[in-house]
């Protein structure tokens, strides 16, 4: 165990309690969205967006190896949390680690456009992909595509097509994944979702309502943390201000700069790395600013906030 892990021990009991609550909460809200009156369905979907995001942040902890101290248990619980997102753990793990390497570089720049970019296309990706849940939809469809056509992403032609659409890095990441391991995890995700739908007798409309709300919430959460931040791989993120209970339910995910600078520290300690004198825009301000469209890209090491 590293010195850092000794100083910042994983909150095992708390993590398990949060998982149990989020697991039961997600199932209950999915059931409500399928079986209750319309008003309750809408409320259930809105609550599901928040509670299922807790499942996502638990998976995020597992990706960094700080959900549970035992490696096998950490992976197993991460797989279960990922099935609620739904995404195979290995795929998201690899993509997320690449995010920590490529953050705010030219290949991962959603809020700015480069001189060589089409501003119109960058805005299409911003509005449809980032702000309207499109990237979550592609992630879910990619899981199904990998299950039925696992070699689809490995074709050189796919890489060329993805590059022309501006998503070459993401498709390239998928092509690097271990085939059998990723396929088995995709199967696990689909089986878990199928079991939930069958056992709770969910309607398609109820499922789509919940996951549509989650897609919007998840997308906003992912990208508002980086919008207009300095173009630096490690420090290109914000510790955003947000209503404290919302931050707690997201396991301090809004302390995103703290996470990027200390990625191996469990969520419960991230507040220690938020400084009182640093610039901390509100989540709502950054989110609304994204709807104004992309801006010309500053140089690496600069920001235009």
C-alpha atoms as a PDB file:
ATOM      1  CA  UNK A   1       0.000   0.000   0.000  1.00  0.00           C
ATOM      2  CA  UNK A   2       1.306   3.442  -0.914  1.00  0.00           C
ATOM      3  CA  UNK A   3       1.914   6.247   1.562  1.00  0.00           C
ATOM      4  CA  UNK A   4      -0.952   8.156  -0.034  1.00  0.00           C
ATOM      5  CA  UNK A   5      -3.344   5.246   0.446  1.00  0.00           C
ATOM      6  CA  UNK A   6      -2.224   4.886   4.046  1.00  0.00           C
ATOM      7  CA  UNK A   7      -2.981   8.535   4.659  1.00  0.00           C
ATOM      8  CA  UNK A   8      -6.289   8.381   2.764  1.00  0.00           C
ATOM      9  CA  UNK A   9      -7.852   4.982   3.518  1.00  0.00           C
ATOM     10  CA  UNK A  10     -10.793   3.794   1.447  1.00  0.00           C
ATOM     11  CA  UNK A  11     -14.114   4.321   3.314  1.00  0.00           C
ATOM     12  CA  UNK A  12     -15.175   0.689   2.791  1.00  0.00           C
ATOM     13  CA  UNK A  13     -18.268   0.582   4.986  1.00  0.00           C
ATOM     14  CA  UNK A  14     -19.551   3.916   3.711  1.00  0.00           C
ATOM     15  CA  UNK A  15     -18.980   2.905   0.094  1.00  0.00           C
ATOM     16  CA  UNK A  16     -20.892  -0.338   0.595  1.00  0.00           C
ATOM     17  CA  UNK A  17     -23.774   1.461   2.295  1.00  0.00           C
ATOM     18  CA  UNK A  18     -23.929   4.015  -0.507  1.00  0.00           C
ATOM     19  CA  UNK A  19     -23.878   1.221  -3.085  1.00  0.00           C
ATOM     20  CA  UNK A  20     -26.712  -0.614  -1.326  1.00  0.00           C
ATOM     21  CA  UNK A  21     -28.807   2.539  -1.158  1.00  0.00           C
ATOM     22  CA  UNK A  22     -28.154   3.525  -4.773  1.00  0.00           C
ATOM     23  CA  UNK A  23     -28.768  -0.034  -6.006  1.00  0.00           C
ATOM     24  CA  UNK A  24     -32.149  -0.278  -4.269  1.00  0.00           C
ATOM     25  CA  UNK A  25     -33.020   3.295  -5.167  1.00  0.00           C
ATOM     26  CA  UNK A  26     -32.358   2.743  -8.879  1.00  0.00           C
ATOM     27  CA  UNK A  27     -34.530  -0.374  -8.950  1.00  0.00           C
ATOM     28  CA  UNK A  28     -37.357   1.325  -7.065  1.00  0.00           C
ATOM     29  CA  UNK A  29     -37.290   4.388  -9.319  1.00  0.00           C
ATOM     30  CA  UNK A  30     -37.239   2.283 -12.498  1.00  0.00           C
ATOM     31  CA  UNK A  31     -40.308   0.429 -11.201  1.00  0.00           C
ATOM     32  CA  UNK A  32     -42.090   3.697 -10.362  1.00  0.00           C
ATOM     33  CA  UNK A  33     -41.399   5.100 -13.833  1.00  0.00           C
ATOM     34  CA  UNK A  34     -43.088   2.059 -15.367  1.00  0.00           C
ATOM     35  CA  UNK A  35     -46.037   1.486 -13.048  1.00  0.00           C
ATOM     36  CA  UNK A  36     -47.221   4.783 -11.527  1.00  0.00           C
ATOM     37  CA  UNK A  37     -49.181   7.749 -12.869  1.00  0.00           C
ATOM     38  CA  UNK A  38     -47.520  10.202 -15.248  1.00  0.00           C
ATOM     39  CA  UNK A  39     -46.592  12.803 -12.642  1.00  0.00           C
ATOM     40  CA  UNK A  40     -44.895  10.179 -10.481  1.00  0.00           C
ATOM     41  CA  UNK A  41     -43.159   8.743 -13.554  1.00  0.00           C
ATOM     42  CA  UNK A  42     -41.593  12.110 -14.318  1.00  0.00           C
ATOM     43  CA  UNK A  43     -40.511  12.589 -10.704  1.00  0.00           C
ATOM     44  CA  UNK A  44     -39.068   9.066 -10.618  1.00  0.00           C
ATOM     45  CA  UNK A  45     -37.081   9.703 -13.803  1.00  0.00           C
ATOM     46  CA  UNK A  46     -35.652  12.949 -12.418  1.00  0.00           C
ATOM     47  CA  UNK A  47     -34.618  11.200  -9.202  1.00  0.00           C
ATOM     48  CA  UNK A  48     -33.200   8.262 -11.157  1.00  0.00           C
ATOM     49  CA  UNK A  49     -30.916  10.643 -13.063  1.00  0.00           C
ATOM     50  CA  UNK A  50     -29.316  11.659  -9.764  1.00  0.00           C
ATOM     51  CA  UNK A  51     -29.277   8.273  -8.010  1.00  0.00           C
ATOM     52  CA  UNK A  52     -27.949   6.378 -11.024  1.00  0.00           C
ATOM     53  CA  UNK A  53     -25.224   8.979 -11.262  1.00  0.00           C
ATOM     54  CA  UNK A  54     -24.174   7.791  -7.800  1.00  0.00           C
ATOM     55  CA  UNK A  55     -23.758   4.339  -9.336  1.00  0.00           C
ATOM     56  CA  UNK A  56     -21.612   5.922 -12.040  1.00  0.00           C
ATOM     57  CA  UNK A  57     -19.401   7.704  -9.503  1.00  0.00           C
ATOM     58  CA  UNK A  58     -19.000   4.454  -7.556  1.00  0.00           C
ATOM     59  CA  UNK A  59     -17.838   2.840 -10.814  1.00  0.00           C
ATOM     60  CA  UNK A  60     -15.477   5.794 -11.245  1.00  0.00           C
ATOM     61  CA  UNK A  61     -14.001   5.028  -7.821  1.00  0.00           C
ATOM     62  CA  UNK A  62     -13.538   1.387  -8.876  1.00  0.00           C
ATOM     63  CA  UNK A  63     -11.728   2.482 -12.049  1.00  0.00           C
ATOM     64  CA  UNK A  64      -9.177   4.295  -9.896  1.00  0.00           C
ATOM     65  CA  UNK A  65      -8.930   1.319  -7.525  1.00  0.00           C
ATOM     66  CA  UNK A  66     -10.367   3.173  -4.527  1.00  0.00           C
ATOM     67  CA  UNK A  67     -13.863   1.707  -4.196  1.00  0.00           C
ATOM     68  CA  UNK A  68     -12.771  -1.324  -2.168  1.00  0.00           C
ATOM     69  CA  UNK A  69      -9.255  -2.255  -0.962  1.00  0.00           C
ATOM     70  CA  UNK A  70      -9.422  -5.811  -2.310  1.00  0.00           C
ATOM     71  CA  UNK A  71      -8.677  -5.720  -6.048  1.00  0.00           C
ATOM     72  CA  UNK A  72     -11.068  -8.534  -6.997  1.00  0.00           C
ATOM     73  CA  UNK A  73     -13.913  -7.093  -4.908  1.00  0.00           C
ATOM     74  CA  UNK A  74     -13.207  -3.619  -6.291  1.00  0.00           C
ATOM     75  CA  UNK A  75     -13.524  -4.931  -9.846  1.00  0.00           C
ATOM     76  CA  UNK A  76     -16.643  -6.984  -9.127  1.00  0.00           C
ATOM     77  CA  UNK A  77     -18.506  -4.103  -7.533  1.00  0.00           C
ATOM     78  CA  UNK A  78     -17.321  -1.823 -10.332  1.00  0.00           C
ATOM     79  CA  UNK A  79     -18.778  -4.248 -12.877  1.00  0.00           C
ATOM     80  CA  UNK A  80     -22.158  -4.176 -11.145  1.00  0.00           C
ATOM     81  CA  UNK A  81     -22.164  -0.382 -10.930  1.00  0.00           C
ATOM     82  CA  UNK A  82     -21.158  -0.195 -14.584  1.00  0.00           C
ATOM     83  CA  UNK A  83     -24.085  -2.402 -15.580  1.00  0.00           C
ATOM     84  CA  UNK A  84     -26.410   0.329 -14.304  1.00  0.00           C
ATOM     85  CA  UNK A  85     -24.715   3.051 -16.390  1.00  0.00           C
ATOM     86  CA  UNK A  86     -24.763   0.810 -18.568  1.00  0.00           C
ATOM     87  CA  UNK A  87     -21.192   0.284 -19.814  1.00  0.00           C
ATOM     88  CA  UNK A  88     -18.575  -2.500 -19.542  1.00  0.00           C
ATOM     89  CA  UNK A  89     -16.048  -1.626 -16.856  1.00  0.00           C
ATOM     90  CA  UNK A  90     -12.937  -2.392 -18.920  1.00  0.00           C
ATOM     91  CA  UNK A  91     -14.060  -0.144 -21.767  1.00  0.00           C
ATOM     92  CA  UNK A  92     -14.819   2.780 -19.507  1.00  0.00           C
ATOM     93  CA  UNK A  93     -11.634   2.199 -17.511  1.00  0.00           C
ATOM     94  CA  UNK A  94      -9.453   2.414 -20.598  1.00  0.00           C
ATOM     95  CA  UNK A  95     -11.284   5.423 -21.995  1.00  0.00           C
ATOM     96  CA  UNK A  96     -11.161   7.228 -18.662  1.00  0.00           C
ATOM     97  CA  UNK A  97      -7.441   6.641 -18.234  1.00  0.00           C
ATOM     98  CA  UNK A  98      -6.945   8.060 -21.727  1.00  0.00           C
ATOM     99  CA  UNK A  99      -8.996  11.063 -20.619  1.00  0.00           C
ATOM    100  CA  UNK A 100      -6.491  11.701 -17.823  1.00  0.00           C
ATOM    101  CA  UNK A 101      -3.707  11.605 -20.437  1.00  0.00           C
ATOM    102  CA  UNK A 102      -5.422  13.644 -23.182  1.00  0.00           C
ATOM    103  CA  UNK A 103      -7.492  16.101 -21.147  1.00  0.00           C
ATOM    104  CA  UNK A 104      -7.723  19.541 -22.852  1.00  0.00           C
ATOM    105  CA  UNK A 105      -5.434  18.504 -25.710  1.00  0.00           C
ATOM    106  CA  UNK A 106      -6.447  18.943 -29.345  1.00  0.00           C
ATOM    107  CA  UNK A 107      -8.038  15.467 -29.493  1.00  0.00           C
ATOM    108  CA  UNK A 108     -10.217  16.100 -26.435  1.00  0.00           C
ATOM    109  CA  UNK A 109     -11.521  19.593 -26.806  1.00  0.00           C
ATOM    110  CA  UNK A 110     -15.310  19.943 -26.879  1.00  0.00           C
ATOM    111  CA  UNK A 111     -15.774  23.580 -25.814  1.00  0.00           C
ATOM    112  CA  UNK A 112     -13.238  25.139 -28.180  1.00  0.00           C
ATOM    113  CA  UNK A 113     -12.566  24.813 -31.881  1.00  0.00           C
ATOM    114  CA  UNK A 114      -9.156  24.827 -33.557  1.00  0.00           C
ATOM    115  CA  UNK A 115      -8.296  26.722 -36.780  1.00  0.00           C
ATOM    116  CA  UNK A 116      -8.445  23.384 -38.608  1.00  0.00           C
ATOM    117  CA  UNK A 117     -11.869  22.496 -37.176  1.00  0.00           C
ATOM    118  CA  UNK A 118     -15.306  23.087 -38.591  1.00  0.00           C
ATOM    119  CA  UNK A 119     -17.018  25.351 -36.065  1.00  0.00           C
ATOM    120  CA  UNK A 120     -20.391  24.091 -37.239  1.00  0.00           C
ATOM    121  CA  UNK A 121     -19.432  20.432 -36.691  1.00  0.00           C
ATOM    122  CA  UNK A 122     -17.930  21.185 -33.283  1.00  0.00           C
ATOM    123  CA  UNK A 123     -21.200  22.848 -32.287  1.00  0.00           C
ATOM    124  CA  UNK A 124     -23.183  19.843 -33.530  1.00  0.00           C
ATOM    125  CA  UNK A 125     -21.075  17.570 -31.316  1.00  0.00           C
ATOM    126  CA  UNK A 126     -21.432  19.992 -28.408  1.00  0.00           C
ATOM    127  CA  UNK A 127     -25.229  20.296 -28.609  1.00  0.00           C
ATOM    128  CA  UNK A 128     -26.113  16.753 -29.647  1.00  0.00           C
ATOM    129  CA  UNK A 129     -23.271  14.860 -28.014  1.00  0.00           C
ATOM    130  CA  UNK A 130     -22.387  16.751 -24.863  1.00  0.00           C
ATOM    131  CA  UNK A 131     -25.540  18.618 -23.928  1.00  0.00           C
ATOM    132  CA  UNK A 132     -28.325  16.392 -25.277  1.00  0.00           C
ATOM    133  CA  UNK A 133     -27.031  13.048 -24.069  1.00  0.00           C
ATOM    134  CA  UNK A 134     -25.775  11.878 -27.452  1.00  0.00           C
ATOM    135  CA  UNK A 135     -22.443  10.626 -26.171  1.00  0.00           C
ATOM    136  CA  UNK A 136     -24.172   8.510 -23.528  1.00  0.00           C
ATOM    137  CA  UNK A 137     -26.404   7.104 -26.289  1.00  0.00           C
ATOM    138  CA  UNK A 138     -23.352   6.256 -28.401  1.00  0.00           C
ATOM    139  CA  UNK A 139     -21.778   4.596 -25.368  1.00  0.00           C
ATOM    140  CA  UNK A 140     -24.854   2.433 -24.800  1.00  0.00           C
ATOM    141  CA  UNK A 141     -25.222   1.557 -28.483  1.00  0.00           C
ATOM    142  CA  UNK A 142     -21.507   0.804 -28.624  1.00  0.00           C
ATOM    143  CA  UNK A 143     -21.978  -1.776 -25.858  1.00  0.00           C
ATOM    144  CA  UNK A 144     -24.644  -3.542 -27.913  1.00  0.00           C
ATOM    145  CA  UNK A 145     -22.606  -3.276 -31.095  1.00  0.00           C
ATOM    146  CA  UNK A 146     -19.557  -4.766 -29.380  1.00  0.00           C
ATOM    147  CA  UNK A 147     -21.665  -7.646 -28.086  1.00  0.00           C
ATOM    148  CA  UNK A 148     -23.007  -8.648 -31.496  1.00  0.00           C
ATOM    149  CA  UNK A 149     -20.164  -7.457 -33.745  1.00  0.00           C
ATOM    150  CA  UNK A 150     -17.018  -7.424 -31.561  1.00  0.00           C
ATOM    151  CA  UNK A 151     -14.654  -6.932 -34.522  1.00  0.00           C
ATOM    152  CA  UNK A 152     -16.563  -3.929 -35.872  1.00  0.00           C
ATOM    153  CA  UNK A 153     -14.335  -1.342 -34.164  1.00  0.00           C
ATOM    154  CA  UNK A 154     -11.071  -3.013 -35.191  1.00  0.00           C
ATOM    155  CA  UNK A 155     -11.453  -2.381 -38.885  1.00  0.00           C
ATOM    156  CA  UNK A 156      -9.012   0.194 -40.376  1.00  0.00           C
ATOM    157  CA  UNK A 157     -11.982   1.518 -42.317  1.00  0.00           C
ATOM    158  CA  UNK A 158     -13.810   2.226 -39.028  1.00  0.00           C
ATOM    159  CA  UNK A 159     -10.849   4.260 -37.825  1.00  0.00           C
ATOM    160  CA  UNK A 160     -10.877   6.350 -41.008  1.00  0.00           C
ATOM    161  CA  UNK A 161     -14.630   6.906 -40.771  1.00  0.00           C
ATOM    162  CA  UNK A 162     -14.379   7.860 -37.095  1.00  0.00           C
ATOM    163  CA  UNK A 163     -11.564  10.302 -37.826  1.00  0.00           C
ATOM    164  CA  UNK A 164     -13.677  12.027 -40.465  1.00  0.00           C
ATOM    165  CA  UNK A 165     -16.463  12.485 -37.886  1.00  0.00           C
ATOM    166  CA  UNK A 166     -14.065  13.823 -35.263  1.00  0.00           C
ATOM    167  CA  UNK A 167     -14.304  10.815 -32.916  1.00  0.00           C
ATOM    168  CA  UNK A 168     -11.215   8.932 -34.033  1.00  0.00           C
ATOM    169  CA  UNK A 169      -9.626   8.885 -30.579  1.00  0.00           C
ATOM    170  CA  UNK A 170     -12.662   7.237 -28.987  1.00  0.00           C
ATOM    171  CA  UNK A 171     -12.995   4.539 -31.632  1.00  0.00           C
ATOM    172  CA  UNK A 172      -9.249   3.991 -31.467  1.00  0.00           C
ATOM    173  CA  UNK A 173      -9.577   3.382 -27.719  1.00  0.00           C
ATOM    174  CA  UNK A 174     -12.235   0.714 -28.307  1.00  0.00           C
ATOM    175  CA  UNK A 175     -10.036  -1.019 -30.873  1.00  0.00           C
ATOM    176  CA  UNK A 176      -7.320  -1.440 -28.214  1.00  0.00           C
ATOM    177  CA  UNK A 177      -9.550  -3.255 -25.719  1.00  0.00           C
ATOM    178  CA  UNK A 178      -8.971  -6.956 -24.913  1.00  0.00           C
ATOM    179  CA  UNK A 179     -11.580  -8.628 -27.119  1.00  0.00           C
ATOM    180  CA  UNK A 180     -12.850 -11.544 -25.012  1.00  0.00           C
ATOM    181  CA  UNK A 181     -12.762  -9.711 -21.686  1.00  0.00           C
ATOM    182  CA  UNK A 182     -14.655  -6.733 -23.109  1.00  0.00           C
ATOM    183  CA  UNK A 183     -17.166  -8.981 -24.890  1.00  0.00           C
ATOM    184  CA  UNK A 184     -17.910 -10.887 -21.682  1.00  0.00           C
ATOM    185  CA  UNK A 185     -18.438  -7.639 -19.817  1.00  0.00           C
ATOM    186  CA  UNK A 186     -20.776  -6.380 -22.542  1.00  0.00           C
ATOM    187  CA  UNK A 187     -22.723  -9.626 -22.169  1.00  0.00           C
ATOM    188  CA  UNK A 188     -22.844  -9.110 -18.394  1.00  0.00           C
ATOM    189  CA  UNK A 189     -24.178  -5.566 -18.826  1.00  0.00           C
ATOM    190  CA  UNK A 190     -26.915  -6.673 -21.223  1.00  0.00           C
ATOM    191  CA  UNK A 191     -27.914  -9.622 -19.009  1.00  0.00           C
ATOM    192  CA  UNK A 192     -28.145  -7.403 -15.926  1.00  0.00           C
ATOM    193  CA  UNK A 193     -30.306  -4.882 -17.771  1.00  0.00           C
ATOM    194  CA  UNK A 194     -32.486  -7.655 -19.210  1.00  0.00           C
ATOM    195  CA  UNK A 195     -32.924  -9.178 -15.736  1.00  0.00           C
ATOM    196  CA  UNK A 196     -33.946  -5.817 -14.270  1.00  0.00           C
ATOM    197  CA  UNK A 197     -36.464  -5.215 -17.043  1.00  0.00           C
ATOM    198  CA  UNK A 198     -37.923  -8.716 -16.739  1.00  0.00           C
ATOM    199  CA  UNK A 199     -38.023  -9.007 -12.936  1.00  0.00           C
ATOM    200  CA  UNK A 200     -39.491  -5.535 -12.408  1.00  0.00           C
ATOM    201  CA  UNK A 201     -41.798  -5.814 -15.438  1.00  0.00           C
ATOM    202  CA  UNK A 202     -40.518  -2.491 -16.773  1.00  0.00           C
ATOM    203  CA  UNK A 203     -42.123  -0.801 -19.731  1.00  0.00           C
ATOM    204  CA  UNK A 204     -39.939   0.457 -22.570  1.00  0.00           C
ATOM    205  CA  UNK A 205     -41.323   3.957 -22.032  1.00  0.00           C
ATOM    206  CA  UNK A 206     -40.449   3.866 -18.325  1.00  0.00           C
ATOM    207  CA  UNK A 207     -36.918   2.610 -18.997  1.00  0.00           C
ATOM    208  CA  UNK A 208     -36.330   5.206 -21.698  1.00  0.00           C
ATOM    209  CA  UNK A 209     -37.704   7.984 -19.507  1.00  0.00           C
ATOM    210  CA  UNK A 210     -35.296   7.131 -16.681  1.00  0.00           C
ATOM    211  CA  UNK A 211     -32.244   6.635 -18.849  1.00  0.00           C
ATOM    212  CA  UNK A 212     -33.068   9.665 -20.982  1.00  0.00           C
ATOM    213  CA  UNK A 213     -33.040  11.793 -17.843  1.00  0.00           C
ATOM    214  CA  UNK A 214     -29.824  10.133 -16.715  1.00  0.00           C
ATOM    215  CA  UNK A 215     -28.187  10.748 -20.106  1.00  0.00           C
ATOM    216  CA  UNK A 216     -28.893  14.477 -19.849  1.00  0.00           C
ATOM    217  CA  UNK A 217     -27.672  14.681 -16.259  1.00  0.00           C
ATOM    218  CA  UNK A 218     -24.582  12.547 -16.862  1.00  0.00           C
ATOM    219  CA  UNK A 219     -23.594  14.537 -19.937  1.00  0.00           C
ATOM    220  CA  UNK A 220     -23.952  17.872 -18.153  1.00  0.00           C
ATOM    221  CA  UNK A 221     -21.907  16.604 -15.223  1.00  0.00           C
ATOM    222  CA  UNK A 222     -19.059  15.281 -17.382  1.00  0.00           C
ATOM    223  CA  UNK A 223     -18.455  18.365 -19.462  1.00  0.00           C
ATOM    224  CA  UNK A 224     -19.303  21.316 -17.218  1.00  0.00           C
ATOM    225  CA  UNK A 225     -16.326  20.328 -15.045  1.00  0.00           C
ATOM    226  CA  UNK A 226     -13.885  21.067 -17.859  1.00  0.00           C
ATOM    227  CA  UNK A 227     -15.596  23.834 -19.837  1.00  0.00           C
ATOM    228  CA  UNK A 228     -13.449  26.939 -20.358  1.00  0.00           C
ATOM    229  CA  UNK A 229     -10.735  25.651 -18.014  1.00  0.00           C
ATOM    230  CA  UNK A 230      -7.030  26.105 -18.703  1.00  0.00           C
ATOM    231  CA  UNK A 231      -5.700  23.911 -21.504  1.00  0.00           C
ATOM    232  CA  UNK A 232      -3.550  21.737 -19.287  1.00  0.00           C
ATOM    233  CA  UNK A 233      -3.731  17.947 -19.028  1.00  0.00           C
ATOM    234  CA  UNK A 234      -3.569  17.873 -15.232  1.00  0.00           C
ATOM    235  CA  UNK A 235      -5.139  21.144 -14.130  1.00  0.00           C
ATOM    236  CA  UNK A 236      -7.683  21.597 -16.931  1.00  0.00           C
ATOM    237  CA  UNK A 237     -10.745  21.165 -14.703  1.00  0.00           C
ATOM    238  CA  UNK A 238     -12.728  23.034 -12.047  1.00  0.00           C
ATOM    239  CA  UNK A 239     -13.794  22.483  -8.479  1.00  0.00           C
ATOM    240  CA  UNK A 240     -17.320  23.662  -9.189  1.00  0.00           C
ATOM    241  CA  UNK A 241     -19.708  25.192  -6.693  1.00  0.00           C
ATOM    242  CA  UNK A 242     -22.975  23.286  -6.397  1.00  0.00           C
ATOM    243  CA  UNK A 243     -25.710  22.639  -3.818  1.00  0.00           C
ATOM    244  CA  UNK A 244     -23.970  20.488  -1.199  1.00  0.00           C
ATOM    245  CA  UNK A 245     -26.468  17.560  -1.129  1.00  0.00           C
ATOM    246  CA  UNK A 246     -26.127  17.245  -4.917  1.00  0.00           C
ATOM    247  CA  UNK A 247     -22.337  17.106  -4.531  1.00  0.00           C
ATOM    248  CA  UNK A 248     -22.626  14.505  -1.794  1.00  0.00           C
ATOM    249  CA  UNK A 249     -24.825  12.295  -3.997  1.00  0.00           C
ATOM    250  CA  UNK A 250     -22.186  12.618  -6.723  1.00  0.00           C
ATOM    251  CA  UNK A 251     -19.441  11.605  -4.258  1.00  0.00           C
ATOM    252  CA  UNK A 252     -17.676  14.954  -4.579  1.00  0.00           C
ATOM    253  CA  UNK A 253     -17.414  14.531  -8.350  1.00  0.00           C
ATOM    254  CA  UNK A 254     -17.815  18.309  -8.668  1.00  0.00           C
ATOM    255  CA  UNK A 255     -14.376  18.621  -7.029  1.00  0.00           C
ATOM    256  CA  UNK A 256     -13.011  17.646 -10.398  1.00  0.00           C
ATOM    257  CA  UNK A 257      -9.766  19.615 -10.341  1.00  0.00           C
ATOM    258  CA  UNK A 258      -8.968  17.965  -7.018  1.00  0.00           C
ATOM    259  CA  UNK A 259      -9.611  14.592  -8.629  1.00  0.00           C
ATOM    260  CA  UNK A 260      -7.424  15.309 -11.658  1.00  0.00           C
ATOM    261  CA  UNK A 261      -4.533  16.442  -9.498  1.00  0.00           C
ATOM    262  CA  UNK A 262      -4.979  13.584  -6.998  1.00  0.00           C
ATOM    263  CA  UNK A 263      -6.650  10.755  -8.985  1.00  0.00           C
ATOM    264  CA  UNK A 264      -5.794   8.030  -6.453  1.00  0.00           C
ATOM    265  CA  UNK A 265      -7.424   9.751  -3.473  1.00  0.00           C
ATOM    266  CA  UNK A 266     -10.873   8.397  -2.479  1.00  0.00           C
ATOM    267  CA  UNK A 267     -13.810  10.746  -2.997  1.00  0.00           C
ATOM    268  CA  UNK A 268     -14.363  11.468   0.680  1.00  0.00           C
ATOM    269  CA  UNK A 269     -11.049  13.375   1.003  1.00  0.00           C
ATOM    270  CA  UNK A 270     -11.170  15.499  -2.145  1.00  0.00           C
ATOM    271  CA  UNK A 271     -12.428  18.534  -0.243  1.00  0.00           C
ATOM    272  CA  UNK A 272      -8.997  18.770   1.400  1.00  0.00           C
ATOM    273  CA  UNK A 273      -7.552  19.752  -1.986  1.00  0.00           C
ATOM    274  CA  UNK A 274     -10.049  22.539  -2.698  1.00  0.00           C
ATOM    275  CA  UNK A 275      -8.463  25.893  -1.825  1.00  0.00           C
ATOM    276  CA  UNK A 276     -10.466  28.853  -0.615  1.00  0.00           C
ATOM    277  CA  UNK A 277      -8.685  31.344  -2.880  1.00  0.00           C
ATOM    278  CA  UNK A 278      -9.049  29.405  -6.149  1.00  0.00           C
ATOM    279  CA  UNK A 279     -11.509  30.302  -8.891  1.00  0.00           C
ATOM    280  CA  UNK A 280     -14.626  28.170  -8.484  1.00  0.00           C
ATOM    281  CA  UNK A 281     -17.392  28.872 -11.016  1.00  0.00           C
ATOM    282  CA  UNK A 282     -20.827  27.494 -10.299  1.00  0.00           C
ATOM    283  CA  UNK A 283     -21.933  24.326 -12.039  1.00  0.00           C
ATOM    284  CA  UNK A 284     -24.983  26.138 -13.429  1.00  0.00           C
ATOM    285  CA  UNK A 285     -22.871  28.991 -14.845  1.00  0.00           C
ATOM    286  CA  UNK A 286     -20.545  26.631 -16.695  1.00  0.00           C
ATOM    287  CA  UNK A 287     -23.402  24.464 -17.908  1.00  0.00           C
ATOM    288  CA  UNK A 288     -25.400  27.395 -19.294  1.00  0.00           C
ATOM    289  CA  UNK A 289     -22.275  28.859 -20.911  1.00  0.00           C
ATOM    290  CA  UNK A 290     -21.880  25.671 -22.939  1.00  0.00           C
ATOM    291  CA  UNK A 291     -25.223  26.374 -24.637  1.00  0.00           C
ATOM    292  CA  UNK A 292     -23.702  29.515 -26.164  1.00  0.00           C
ATOM    293  CA  UNK A 293     -21.544  27.316 -28.385  1.00  0.00           C
ATOM    294  CA  UNK A 294     -17.869  26.635 -28.925  1.00  0.00           C
ATOM    295  CA  UNK A 295     -15.202  29.320 -28.791  1.00  0.00           C
ATOM    296  CA  UNK A 296     -11.838  29.750 -30.552  1.00  0.00           C
ATOM    297  CA  UNK A 297      -9.246  27.587 -28.800  1.00  0.00           C
ATOM    298  CA  UNK A 298      -6.512  29.261 -26.746  1.00  0.00           C
ATOM    299  CA  UNK A 299      -3.014  27.821 -26.683  1.00  0.00           C
ATOM    300  CA  UNK A 300      -2.156  24.985 -24.325  1.00  0.00           C
ATOM    301  CA  UNK A 301      -1.616  26.423 -20.874  1.00  0.00           C
ATOM    302  CA  UNK A 302      -4.134  29.209 -21.444  1.00  0.00           C
ATOM    303  CA  UNK A 303      -7.841  29.650 -20.799  1.00  0.00           C
ATOM    304  CA  UNK A 304     -10.504  32.111 -21.906  1.00  0.00           C
ATOM    305  CA  UNK A 305     -12.887  31.919 -18.954  1.00  0.00           C
END
